[in-house]
Amino acid sequence: MNLVKSEDRTTLLLSASYEPFAFLTARATIKYFMTNKVSGVDVDGNTFAFGETQVRLPLDNPALATVSRNILIPTIVKLNKYFGFRRRVKSQYVSLKSLYKLYKGKCQYCLQDIPYKEATKDHYYPKSKGGTDHDFNLVLACKRCNHIKDSTFPYYNKKGELVEPKKFSHLDFILDHSVKTRKEWEPYLYRV
């Protein structure tokens, strides 16, 4: 058992069809679990309701301390039905922040790490030639390289390699990549 704060993100929220949806704080997990809006998922992938005692949980399972006892928090919960969670990001468009995270702050042309304030979205296939703002047409570039590239297509990085956009997953939009991945989440996240 691992004692956590109520605002710590401890739980992976899955949709009703077991797709990763978001990360929940310990407080939110307990609230939704106690009100039957979510079911817990144990280490074997079995669902369970609040109050069930014959459940296999990880040894380092998070818990909230109360005056009288510790409350175990499931590390994976599944929506019983949709109850108000909405994805707020249009999946076809990418924010600079998402692009910066995807490329880990590295300009795709000069291959240098760049500060966020120097980062720009660059259109792989230039807008002047009919390119769009969709995720499959954007790469991260520093201001200098973006200006040098202008509307050149195709364009090669400093190693002489053709620059192509990375493929976005819906996870890149909805999941907070700063949350440390737990072993039991891996089958659901499709990343390690």
N, C-alpha and C. Protein backbone atom coordinates (compact mmCIF):
# COMPACT_ATOMS: atom_id res chain seq x y z
N MET A 1 0.85 -1.18 0.00
CA MET A 1 0.00 0.00 0.00
C MET A 1 0.89 1.24 0.00
N ASN A 2 0.48 2.21 -0.80
CA ASN A 2 1.25 3.44 -0.98
C ASN A 2 0.33 4.63 -0.69
N LEU A 3 0.55 5.36 0.40
CA LEU A 3 -0.31 6.50 0.74
C LEU A 3 -0.05 7.65 -0.22
N VAL A 4 -1.15 8.25 -0.72
CA VAL A 4 -1.07 9.34 -1.69
C VAL A 4 -1.93 10.51 -1.22
N LYS A 5 -1.75 11.65 -1.88
CA LYS A 5 -2.59 12.82 -1.61
C LYS A 5 -3.83 12.75 -2.48
N SER A 6 -4.88 13.43 -2.07
CA SER A 6 -6.14 13.37 -2.82
C SER A 6 -6.02 13.95 -4.23
N GLU A 7 -5.07 14.87 -4.45
CA GLU A 7 -4.93 15.48 -5.78
C GLU A 7 -3.95 14.74 -6.69
N ASP A 8 -3.32 13.67 -6.21
CA ASP A 8 -2.40 12.88 -7.03
C ASP A 8 -3.17 12.10 -8.09
N ARG A 9 -2.62 12.06 -9.29
CA ARG A 9 -3.25 11.25 -10.35
C ARG A 9 -2.81 9.81 -10.17
N THR A 10 -3.76 8.98 -9.81
CA THR A 10 -3.45 7.60 -9.43
C THR A 10 -4.09 6.56 -10.33
N THR A 11 -5.07 6.96 -11.12
CA THR A 11 -5.94 5.98 -11.76
C THR A 11 -6.11 6.25 -13.25
N LEU A 12 -6.05 5.18 -14.02
CA LEU A 12 -6.32 5.23 -15.45
C LEU A 12 -7.82 5.01 -15.64
N LEU A 13 -8.48 5.96 -16.32
CA LEU A 13 -9.90 5.84 -16.62
C LEU A 13 -10.05 5.27 -18.02
N LEU A 14 -10.80 4.16 -18.12
CA LEU A 14 -11.07 3.54 -19.41
C LEU A 14 -12.50 3.84 -19.82
N SER A 15 -12.74 3.91 -21.12
CA SER A 15 -14.11 4.08 -21.61
C SER A 15 -14.87 2.78 -21.37
N ALA A 16 -16.15 2.79 -21.66
CA ALA A 16 -16.97 1.58 -21.50
C ALA A 16 -16.47 0.45 -22.39
N SER A 17 -15.73 0.79 -23.45
CA SER A 17 -15.18 -0.24 -24.34
C SER A 17 -13.69 -0.50 -24.07
N TYR A 18 -13.23 -0.15 -22.87
CA TYR A 18 -11.87 -0.43 -22.39
C TYR A 18 -10.78 0.32 -23.16
N GLU A 19 -11.08 1.48 -23.69
CA GLU A 19 -10.06 2.30 -24.32
C GLU A 19 -9.61 3.36 -23.33
N PRO A 20 -8.32 3.71 -23.30
CA PRO A 20 -7.85 4.73 -22.35
C PRO A 20 -8.53 6.06 -22.63
N PHE A 21 -8.95 6.71 -21.55
CA PHE A 21 -9.74 7.93 -21.69
C PHE A 21 -9.09 9.12 -21.00
N ALA A 22 -8.57 8.91 -19.79
CA ALA A 22 -7.96 10.00 -19.03
C ALA A 22 -7.30 9.43 -17.79
N PHE A 23 -6.64 10.31 -17.03
CA PHE A 23 -6.13 9.96 -15.71
C PHE A 23 -6.97 10.69 -14.68
N LEU A 24 -7.29 10.02 -13.59
CA LEU A 24 -8.09 10.61 -12.52
C LEU A 24 -7.26 10.82 -11.27
N THR A 25 -7.64 11.83 -10.50
CA THR A 25 -7.02 12.03 -9.19
C THR A 25 -7.60 11.00 -8.23
N ALA A 26 -6.93 10.83 -7.10
CA ALA A 26 -7.43 9.89 -6.09
C ALA A 26 -8.83 10.30 -5.63
N ARG A 27 -9.05 11.60 -5.41
CA ARG A 27 -10.35 12.10 -4.96
C ARG A 27 -11.45 11.78 -5.98
N ALA A 28 -11.20 12.05 -7.25
CA ALA A 28 -12.20 11.80 -8.30
C ALA A 28 -12.48 10.30 -8.42
N THR A 29 -11.44 9.49 -8.33
CA THR A 29 -11.63 8.04 -8.43
C THR A 29 -12.57 7.53 -7.35
N ILE A 30 -12.33 7.94 -6.11
CA ILE A 30 -13.18 7.50 -5.00
C ILE A 30 -14.61 7.99 -5.20
N LYS A 31 -14.77 9.24 -5.61
CA LYS A 31 -16.11 9.81 -5.82
C LYS A 31 -16.88 9.02 -6.87
N TYR A 32 -16.26 8.78 -8.03
CA TYR A 32 -16.95 8.06 -9.11
C TYR A 32 -17.16 6.59 -8.77
N PHE A 33 -16.21 6.02 -8.04
CA PHE A 33 -16.31 4.61 -7.65
C PHE A 33 -17.45 4.41 -6.65
N MET A 34 -17.54 5.30 -5.65
CA MET A 34 -18.59 5.17 -4.63
C MET A 34 -19.98 5.45 -5.18
N THR A 35 -20.09 6.27 -6.22
CA THR A 35 -21.39 6.60 -6.80
C THR A 35 -21.74 5.70 -7.98
N ASN A 36 -20.98 4.62 -8.16
CA ASN A 36 -21.26 3.61 -9.18
C ASN A 36 -21.16 4.12 -10.62
N LYS A 37 -20.42 5.19 -10.85
CA LYS A 37 -20.24 5.68 -12.22
C LYS A 37 -19.12 4.93 -12.92
N VAL A 38 -18.22 4.33 -12.13
CA VAL A 38 -17.14 3.51 -12.68
C VAL A 38 -17.06 2.21 -11.90
N SER A 39 -16.47 1.21 -12.54
CA SER A 39 -16.15 -0.06 -11.88
C SER A 39 -14.63 -0.18 -11.83
N GLY A 40 -14.13 -0.79 -10.79
CA GLY A 40 -12.70 -1.03 -10.71
C GLY A 40 -12.31 -2.17 -11.63
N VAL A 41 -11.04 -2.19 -12.03
CA VAL A 41 -10.50 -3.29 -12.84
C VAL A 41 -9.28 -3.81 -12.09
N ASP A 42 -9.30 -5.11 -11.73
CA ASP A 42 -8.18 -5.65 -10.96
C ASP A 42 -7.02 -6.03 -11.87
N VAL A 43 -5.94 -6.58 -11.29
CA VAL A 43 -4.74 -6.90 -12.07
C VAL A 43 -4.99 -8.00 -13.09
N ASP A 44 -6.05 -8.78 -12.93
CA ASP A 44 -6.38 -9.85 -13.89
C ASP A 44 -7.35 -9.37 -14.96
N GLY A 45 -7.77 -8.10 -14.90
CA GLY A 45 -8.70 -7.55 -15.89
C GLY A 45 -10.16 -7.74 -15.55
N ASN A 46 -10.45 -8.24 -14.35
CA ASN A 46 -11.84 -8.43 -13.91
C ASN A 46 -12.38 -7.15 -13.31
N THR A 47 -13.65 -6.85 -13.57
CA THR A 47 -14.26 -5.64 -12.99
C THR A 47 -14.86 -5.97 -11.63
N PHE A 48 -14.91 -4.95 -10.79
CA PHE A 48 -15.50 -5.11 -9.46
C PHE A 48 -16.14 -3.80 -9.03
N ALA A 49 -17.12 -3.91 -8.16
CA ALA A 49 -17.85 -2.75 -7.68
C ALA A 49 -17.28 -2.28 -6.34
N PHE A 50 -17.65 -1.07 -5.95
CA PHE A 50 -17.21 -0.51 -4.68
C PHE A 50 -17.69 -1.43 -3.54
N GLY A 51 -16.81 -1.74 -2.61
CA GLY A 51 -17.17 -2.55 -1.45
C GLY A 51 -16.80 -4.02 -1.58
N GLU A 52 -16.50 -4.50 -2.78
CA GLU A 52 -16.10 -5.90 -2.94
C GLU A 52 -14.74 -6.10 -2.29
N THR A 53 -14.57 -7.24 -1.62
CA THR A 53 -13.33 -7.47 -0.87
C THR A 53 -12.42 -8.51 -1.50
N GLN A 54 -12.93 -9.41 -2.32
CA GLN A 54 -12.12 -10.47 -2.94
C GLN A 54 -11.57 -9.98 -4.27
N VAL A 55 -10.65 -9.01 -4.20
CA VAL A 55 -10.11 -8.37 -5.39
C VAL A 55 -8.58 -8.42 -5.32
N ARG A 56 -7.95 -8.76 -6.45
CA ARG A 56 -6.48 -8.75 -6.52
C ARG A 56 -6.00 -7.38 -6.98
N LEU A 57 -5.30 -6.68 -6.10
CA LEU A 57 -4.75 -5.36 -6.42
C LEU A 57 -3.23 -5.42 -6.32
N PRO A 58 -2.52 -4.52 -6.99
CA PRO A 58 -1.05 -4.52 -6.90
C PRO A 58 -0.57 -4.28 -5.47
N LEU A 59 0.62 -4.76 -5.14
CA LEU A 59 1.17 -4.58 -3.81
C LEU A 59 1.40 -3.10 -3.48
N ASP A 60 1.76 -2.31 -4.48
CA ASP A 60 2.02 -0.89 -4.26
C ASP A 60 0.78 -0.04 -4.55
N ASN A 61 -0.40 -0.62 -4.36
CA ASN A 61 -1.65 0.06 -4.65
C ASN A 61 -1.77 1.35 -3.84
N PRO A 62 -2.20 2.46 -4.49
CA PRO A 62 -2.36 3.72 -3.76
C PRO A 62 -3.53 3.66 -2.78
N ALA A 63 -3.43 4.43 -1.72
CA ALA A 63 -4.48 4.51 -0.71
C ALA A 63 -4.54 5.92 -0.15
N LEU A 64 -5.74 6.33 0.23
CA LEU A 64 -5.94 7.62 0.91
C LEU A 64 -6.11 7.35 2.40
N ALA A 65 -5.42 8.12 3.21
CA ALA A 65 -5.53 7.95 4.67
C ALA A 65 -6.67 8.79 5.19
N THR A 66 -7.53 8.18 6.01
CA THR A 66 -8.58 8.92 6.71
C THR A 66 -8.28 8.83 8.20
N VAL A 67 -9.13 9.41 9.00
CA VAL A 67 -8.92 9.38 10.45
C VAL A 67 -8.97 7.95 10.98
N SER A 68 -9.89 7.15 10.46
CA SER A 68 -10.08 5.81 11.01
C SER A 68 -9.46 4.67 10.20
N ARG A 69 -9.23 4.88 8.89
CA ARG A 69 -8.69 3.79 8.08
C ARG A 69 -8.08 4.33 6.79
N ASN A 70 -7.46 3.42 6.04
CA ASN A 70 -6.94 3.74 4.72
C ASN A 70 -7.90 3.20 3.67
N ILE A 71 -8.21 4.02 2.67
CA ILE A 71 -9.10 3.61 1.59
C ILE A 71 -8.26 3.27 0.37
N LEU A 72 -8.32 2.02 -0.09
CA LEU A 72 -7.58 1.62 -1.29
C LEU A 72 -8.24 2.23 -2.52
N ILE A 73 -7.41 2.69 -3.44
CA ILE A 73 -7.89 3.33 -4.66
C ILE A 73 -7.56 2.42 -5.83
N PRO A 74 -8.55 2.01 -6.63
CA PRO A 74 -8.22 1.19 -7.80
C PRO A 74 -7.35 1.99 -8.77
N THR A 75 -6.36 1.34 -9.35
CA THR A 75 -5.47 2.03 -10.28
C THR A 75 -6.02 2.04 -11.70
N ILE A 76 -7.04 1.23 -11.96
CA ILE A 76 -7.74 1.23 -13.24
C ILE A 76 -9.23 1.18 -12.96
N VAL A 77 -9.97 2.10 -13.59
CA VAL A 77 -11.43 2.06 -13.51
C VAL A 77 -12.01 2.18 -14.92
N LYS A 78 -13.21 1.65 -15.08
CA LYS A 78 -13.89 1.64 -16.38
C LYS A 78 -15.23 2.32 -16.21
N LEU A 79 -15.57 3.17 -17.17
CA LEU A 79 -16.88 3.83 -17.14
C LEU A 79 -17.98 2.77 -17.24
N ASN A 80 -18.99 2.86 -16.38
CA ASN A 80 -20.13 1.96 -16.49
C ASN A 80 -21.03 2.40 -17.64
N LYS A 81 -21.09 3.70 -17.85
CA LYS A 81 -21.78 4.28 -19.00
C LYS A 81 -21.20 5.68 -19.16
N TYR A 82 -21.52 6.33 -20.24
CA TYR A 82 -21.01 7.68 -20.42
C TYR A 82 -21.84 8.62 -19.57
N PHE A 83 -21.19 9.41 -18.75
CA PHE A 83 -21.93 10.24 -17.81
C PHE A 83 -21.44 11.68 -17.78
N GLY A 84 -20.99 12.18 -18.90
CA GLY A 84 -20.61 13.59 -18.92
C GLY A 84 -19.19 13.86 -19.31
N PHE A 85 -18.33 12.83 -19.39
CA PHE A 85 -16.97 13.07 -19.88
C PHE A 85 -17.05 13.31 -21.37
N ARG A 86 -16.40 14.35 -21.83
CA ARG A 86 -16.34 14.63 -23.25
C ARG A 86 -14.92 14.95 -23.62
N ARG A 87 -14.52 14.50 -24.77
CA ARG A 87 -13.21 14.89 -25.26
C ARG A 87 -13.34 16.29 -25.81
N ARG A 88 -12.48 17.17 -25.37
CA ARG A 88 -12.58 18.56 -25.76
C ARG A 88 -11.69 18.92 -26.94
N VAL A 89 -10.92 17.96 -27.43
CA VAL A 89 -9.98 18.25 -28.51
C VAL A 89 -10.50 17.63 -29.80
N LYS A 90 -10.53 18.42 -30.86
CA LYS A 90 -10.89 17.87 -32.16
C LYS A 90 -9.69 17.05 -32.62
N SER A 91 -9.90 15.77 -32.86
CA SER A 91 -8.77 14.88 -33.12
C SER A 91 -8.01 15.22 -34.39
N GLN A 92 -8.61 15.93 -35.33
CA GLN A 92 -7.90 16.20 -36.57
C GLN A 92 -6.94 17.39 -36.45
N TYR A 93 -7.08 18.21 -35.42
CA TYR A 93 -6.22 19.37 -35.27
C TYR A 93 -5.29 19.20 -34.08
N VAL A 94 -4.11 19.79 -34.19
CA VAL A 94 -3.08 19.60 -33.18
C VAL A 94 -2.66 20.95 -32.60
N SER A 95 -2.55 21.02 -31.29
CA SER A 95 -2.05 22.24 -30.66
C SER A 95 -0.52 22.22 -30.70
N LEU A 96 0.08 23.38 -30.54
CA LEU A 96 1.53 23.47 -30.50
C LEU A 96 2.06 22.67 -29.31
N LYS A 97 1.33 22.72 -28.20
CA LYS A 97 1.74 21.98 -27.00
C LYS A 97 1.80 20.48 -27.27
N SER A 98 0.78 19.94 -27.94
CA SER A 98 0.76 18.51 -28.28
C SER A 98 1.90 18.16 -29.23
N LEU A 99 2.12 19.01 -30.20
CA LEU A 99 3.18 18.79 -31.17
C LEU A 99 4.55 18.82 -30.48
N TYR A 100 4.72 19.77 -29.57
CA TYR A 100 5.98 19.89 -28.82
C TYR A 100 6.24 18.63 -28.00
N LYS A 101 5.18 18.09 -27.37
CA LYS A 101 5.33 16.85 -26.59
C LYS A 101 5.66 15.68 -27.49
N LEU A 102 4.97 15.57 -28.62
CA LEU A 102 5.17 14.44 -29.53
C LEU A 102 6.61 14.39 -30.03
N TYR A 103 7.17 15.54 -30.39
CA TYR A 103 8.52 15.60 -30.92
C TYR A 103 9.57 15.85 -29.84
N LYS A 104 9.14 15.83 -28.59
CA LYS A 104 10.03 16.00 -27.44
C LYS A 104 10.88 17.26 -27.53
N GLY A 105 10.28 18.34 -28.07
CA GLY A 105 10.94 19.63 -28.12
C GLY A 105 12.11 19.72 -29.08
N LYS A 106 12.13 18.86 -30.10
CA LYS A 106 13.25 18.84 -31.04
C LYS A 106 12.79 19.30 -32.42
N CYS A 107 13.49 20.29 -32.96
CA CYS A 107 13.21 20.77 -34.31
C CYS A 107 13.49 19.62 -35.29
N GLN A 108 12.59 19.39 -36.20
CA GLN A 108 12.72 18.28 -37.14
C GLN A 108 13.64 18.58 -38.31
N TYR A 109 14.11 19.82 -38.41
CA TYR A 109 15.00 20.20 -39.51
C TYR A 109 16.45 20.31 -39.06
N CYS A 110 16.71 21.10 -38.00
CA CYS A 110 18.10 21.23 -37.52
C CYS A 110 18.42 20.19 -36.44
N LEU A 111 17.40 19.48 -35.96
CA LEU A 111 17.53 18.41 -34.97
C LEU A 111 18.05 18.89 -33.61
N GLN A 112 17.87 20.17 -33.32
CA GLN A 112 18.29 20.75 -32.04
C GLN A 112 17.10 20.82 -31.09
N ASP A 113 17.39 20.70 -29.79
CA ASP A 113 16.35 20.94 -28.78
C ASP A 113 16.04 22.42 -28.80
N ILE A 114 14.75 22.74 -28.74
CA ILE A 114 14.36 24.15 -28.80
C ILE A 114 13.46 24.49 -27.62
N PRO A 115 13.58 25.70 -27.08
CA PRO A 115 12.66 26.11 -26.02
C PRO A 115 11.25 26.27 -26.60
N TYR A 116 10.26 26.07 -25.77
CA TYR A 116 8.87 26.11 -26.23
C TYR A 116 8.54 27.43 -26.93
N LYS A 117 9.07 28.54 -26.42
CA LYS A 117 8.73 29.84 -27.01
C LYS A 117 9.35 30.03 -28.41
N GLU A 118 10.29 29.18 -28.79
CA GLU A 118 10.90 29.24 -30.13
C GLU A 118 10.28 28.21 -31.08
N ALA A 119 9.35 27.39 -30.57
CA ALA A 119 8.76 26.32 -31.37
C ALA A 119 7.63 26.84 -32.26
N THR A 120 7.52 26.24 -33.44
CA THR A 120 6.42 26.57 -34.35
C THR A 120 5.88 25.29 -34.97
N LYS A 121 4.63 25.38 -35.43
CA LYS A 121 4.06 24.28 -36.21
C LYS A 121 4.45 24.54 -37.66
N ASP A 122 5.00 23.54 -38.31
CA ASP A 122 5.33 23.70 -39.72
C ASP A 122 4.51 22.70 -40.53
N HIS A 123 4.03 23.15 -41.65
CA HIS A 123 3.23 22.30 -42.52
C HIS A 123 4.15 21.48 -43.42
N TYR A 124 4.12 20.17 -43.26
CA TYR A 124 4.92 19.25 -44.06
C TYR A 124 4.69 19.53 -45.54
N TYR A 125 3.44 19.48 -45.93
CA TYR A 125 3.07 19.90 -47.28
C TYR A 125 2.54 21.32 -47.13
N PRO A 126 3.24 22.32 -47.68
CA PRO A 126 2.93 23.73 -47.39
C PRO A 126 1.49 24.13 -47.69
N LYS A 127 0.97 25.02 -46.85
CA LYS A 127 -0.40 25.53 -47.06
C LYS A 127 -0.52 26.23 -48.40
N SER A 128 0.56 26.87 -48.83
CA SER A 128 0.52 27.59 -50.12
C SER A 128 0.34 26.63 -51.30
N LYS A 129 0.60 25.35 -51.05
CA LYS A 129 0.43 24.34 -52.11
C LYS A 129 -0.76 23.43 -51.83
N GLY A 130 -1.61 23.84 -50.88
CA GLY A 130 -2.82 23.06 -50.59
C GLY A 130 -2.76 22.22 -49.33
N GLY A 131 -1.69 22.35 -48.53
CA GLY A 131 -1.58 21.59 -47.28
C GLY A 131 -2.62 22.04 -46.27
N THR A 132 -2.94 21.17 -45.32
CA THR A 132 -3.97 21.45 -44.32
C THR A 132 -3.36 21.56 -42.93
N ASP A 133 -4.22 21.91 -41.96
CA ASP A 133 -3.81 21.98 -40.55
C ASP A 133 -4.02 20.66 -39.81
N HIS A 134 -4.27 19.59 -40.52
CA HIS A 134 -4.52 18.30 -39.89
C HIS A 134 -3.24 17.73 -39.29
N ASP A 135 -3.42 16.82 -38.32
CA ASP A 135 -2.28 16.24 -37.61
C ASP A 135 -1.29 15.54 -38.53
N PHE A 136 -1.74 14.96 -39.61
CA PHE A 136 -0.85 14.23 -40.51
C PHE A 136 -0.02 15.15 -41.41
N ASN A 137 -0.18 16.47 -41.25
CA ASN A 137 0.58 17.41 -42.08
C ASN A 137 1.43 18.38 -41.26
N LEU A 138 1.63 18.11 -39.97
CA LEU A 138 2.37 19.04 -39.12
C LEU A 138 3.61 18.41 -38.52
N VAL A 139 4.68 19.20 -38.46
CA VAL A 139 5.91 18.82 -37.76
C VAL A 139 6.33 20.00 -36.88
N LEU A 140 7.20 19.74 -35.93
CA LEU A 140 7.72 20.79 -35.05
C LEU A 140 9.00 21.36 -35.66
N ALA A 141 9.08 22.68 -35.70
CA ALA A 141 10.28 23.34 -36.21
C ALA A 141 10.57 24.58 -35.38
N CYS A 142 11.86 24.93 -35.30
CA CYS A 142 12.21 26.19 -34.66
C CYS A 142 11.84 27.32 -35.63
N LYS A 143 11.74 28.53 -35.12
CA LYS A 143 11.34 29.66 -35.97
C LYS A 143 12.29 29.85 -37.14
N ARG A 144 13.58 29.70 -36.89
CA ARG A 144 14.58 29.91 -37.94
C ARG A 144 14.41 28.90 -39.07
N CYS A 145 14.30 27.62 -38.72
CA CYS A 145 14.16 26.58 -39.76
C CYS A 145 12.84 26.70 -40.51
N ASN A 146 11.80 27.07 -39.79
CA ASN A 146 10.49 27.23 -40.44
C ASN A 146 10.58 28.33 -41.49
N HIS A 147 11.28 29.40 -41.15
CA HIS A 147 11.44 30.52 -42.09
C HIS A 147 12.29 30.10 -43.30
N ILE A 148 13.38 29.35 -43.04
CA ILE A 148 14.26 28.90 -44.13
C ILE A 148 13.53 27.93 -45.07
N LYS A 149 12.76 27.02 -44.49
CA LYS A 149 12.03 26.03 -45.30
C LYS A 149 11.01 26.71 -46.19
N ASP A 150 10.32 27.69 -45.65
CA ASP A 150 9.29 28.44 -46.36
C ASP A 150 8.29 27.48 -47.00
N SER A 151 8.14 27.47 -48.32
CA SER A 151 7.16 26.58 -48.96
C SER A 151 7.84 25.49 -49.78
N THR A 152 9.07 25.13 -49.38
CA THR A 152 9.80 24.08 -50.08
C THR A 152 9.19 22.72 -49.75
N PHE A 153 9.03 21.89 -50.76
CA PHE A 153 8.54 20.53 -50.57
C PHE A 153 9.15 19.65 -51.64
N PRO A 154 9.66 18.49 -51.36
CA PRO A 154 9.92 17.96 -50.02
C PRO A 154 11.11 18.68 -49.38
N TYR A 155 11.27 18.48 -48.08
CA TYR A 155 12.34 19.15 -47.36
C TYR A 155 13.13 18.11 -46.56
N TYR A 156 14.45 18.29 -46.47
CA TYR A 156 15.32 17.34 -45.80
C TYR A 156 15.97 17.99 -44.57
N ASN A 157 16.18 17.19 -43.53
CA ASN A 157 16.82 17.73 -42.33
C ASN A 157 18.32 17.84 -42.54
N LYS A 158 19.04 18.28 -41.51
CA LYS A 158 20.48 18.53 -41.67
C LYS A 158 21.27 17.25 -41.93
N LYS A 159 20.71 16.07 -41.65
CA LYS A 159 21.37 14.79 -41.95
C LYS A 159 21.06 14.32 -43.38
N GLY A 160 20.23 15.08 -44.10
CA GLY A 160 19.86 14.69 -45.45
C GLY A 160 18.70 13.73 -45.52
N GLU A 161 18.01 13.53 -44.39
CA GLU A 161 16.86 12.62 -44.35
C GLU A 161 15.58 13.39 -44.63
N LEU A 162 14.68 12.74 -45.36
CA LEU A 162 13.39 13.35 -45.65
C LEU A 162 12.60 13.50 -44.35
N VAL A 163 12.09 14.68 -44.09
CA VAL A 163 11.30 14.93 -42.88
C VAL A 163 9.85 14.55 -43.17
N GLU A 164 9.29 13.71 -42.32
CA GLU A 164 7.88 13.33 -42.45
C GLU A 164 7.23 13.44 -41.08
N PRO A 165 5.94 13.79 -41.05
CA PRO A 165 5.23 13.89 -39.76
C PRO A 165 5.11 12.55 -39.05
N LYS A 166 5.17 12.58 -37.72
CA LYS A 166 4.91 11.38 -36.93
C LYS A 166 3.41 11.15 -36.91
N LYS A 167 3.04 9.91 -36.69
CA LYS A 167 1.62 9.56 -36.59
C LYS A 167 1.14 9.86 -35.18
N PHE A 168 0.05 10.59 -35.08
CA PHE A 168 -0.56 10.87 -33.79
C PHE A 168 -1.49 9.73 -33.43
N SER A 169 -1.54 9.42 -32.17
CA SER A 169 -2.52 8.48 -31.64
C SER A 169 -3.51 9.32 -30.85
N HIS A 170 -4.73 8.83 -30.68
CA HIS A 170 -5.67 9.59 -29.86
C HIS A 170 -5.15 9.75 -28.44
N LEU A 171 -4.22 8.89 -28.03
CA LEU A 171 -3.64 9.00 -26.69
C LEU A 171 -2.84 10.28 -26.54
N ASP A 172 -2.25 10.74 -27.64
CA ASP A 172 -1.45 11.96 -27.58
C ASP A 172 -2.31 13.18 -27.24
N PHE A 173 -3.60 13.09 -27.48
CA PHE A 173 -4.49 14.20 -27.20
C PHE A 173 -5.09 14.13 -25.80
N ILE A 174 -5.38 12.92 -25.30
CA ILE A 174 -6.18 12.82 -24.08
C ILE A 174 -5.40 12.46 -22.85
N LEU A 175 -4.23 11.89 -23.00
CA LEU A 175 -3.51 11.43 -21.82
C LEU A 175 -2.36 12.35 -21.46
N ASP A 176 -2.17 12.52 -20.19
CA ASP A 176 -1.11 13.35 -19.67
C ASP A 176 0.15 12.49 -19.58
N HIS A 177 1.11 12.74 -20.45
CA HIS A 177 2.31 11.91 -20.52
C HIS A 177 3.27 12.14 -19.37
N SER A 178 2.97 13.10 -18.51
CA SER A 178 3.82 13.33 -17.35
C SER A 178 3.48 12.37 -16.21
N VAL A 179 2.34 11.69 -16.30
CA VAL A 179 1.96 10.73 -15.27
C VAL A 179 2.79 9.47 -15.46
N LYS A 180 3.40 8.99 -14.38
CA LYS A 180 4.24 7.80 -14.45
C LYS A 180 3.38 6.57 -14.74
N THR A 181 3.76 5.81 -15.75
CA THR A 181 3.02 4.62 -16.16
C THR A 181 3.18 3.51 -15.14
N ARG A 182 2.07 2.89 -14.79
CA ARG A 182 2.08 1.73 -13.89
C ARG A 182 2.06 0.46 -14.74
N LYS A 183 2.64 -0.60 -14.23
CA LYS A 183 2.74 -1.87 -14.97
C LYS A 183 1.37 -2.38 -15.41
N GLU A 184 0.37 -2.29 -14.54
CA GLU A 184 -0.96 -2.83 -14.87
C GLU A 184 -1.69 -2.00 -15.94
N TRP A 185 -1.20 -0.80 -16.25
CA TRP A 185 -1.82 0.03 -17.29
C TRP A 185 -1.36 -0.35 -18.69
N GLU A 186 -0.19 -0.95 -18.80
CA GLU A 186 0.44 -1.17 -20.10
C GLU A 186 -0.45 -1.86 -21.13
N PRO A 187 -1.23 -2.90 -20.77
CA PRO A 187 -2.06 -3.52 -21.81
C PRO A 187 -3.12 -2.56 -22.39
N TYR A 188 -3.48 -1.53 -21.65
CA TYR A 188 -4.51 -0.61 -22.10
C TYR A 188 -3.93 0.61 -22.82
N LEU A 189 -2.70 0.97 -22.53
CA LEU A 189 -2.12 2.20 -23.08
C LEU A 189 -1.43 2.02 -24.42
N TYR A 190 -1.08 0.82 -24.79
CA TYR A 190 -0.39 0.57 -26.04
C TYR A 190 0.93 1.32 -26.12
N ARG A 191 1.51 1.65 -25.01
CA ARG A 191 2.83 2.29 -24.97
C ARG A 191 3.50 1.89 -23.67
N VAL A 192 4.80 1.92 -23.65
CA VAL A 192 5.55 1.61 -22.43
C VAL A 192 6.64 2.62 -22.23
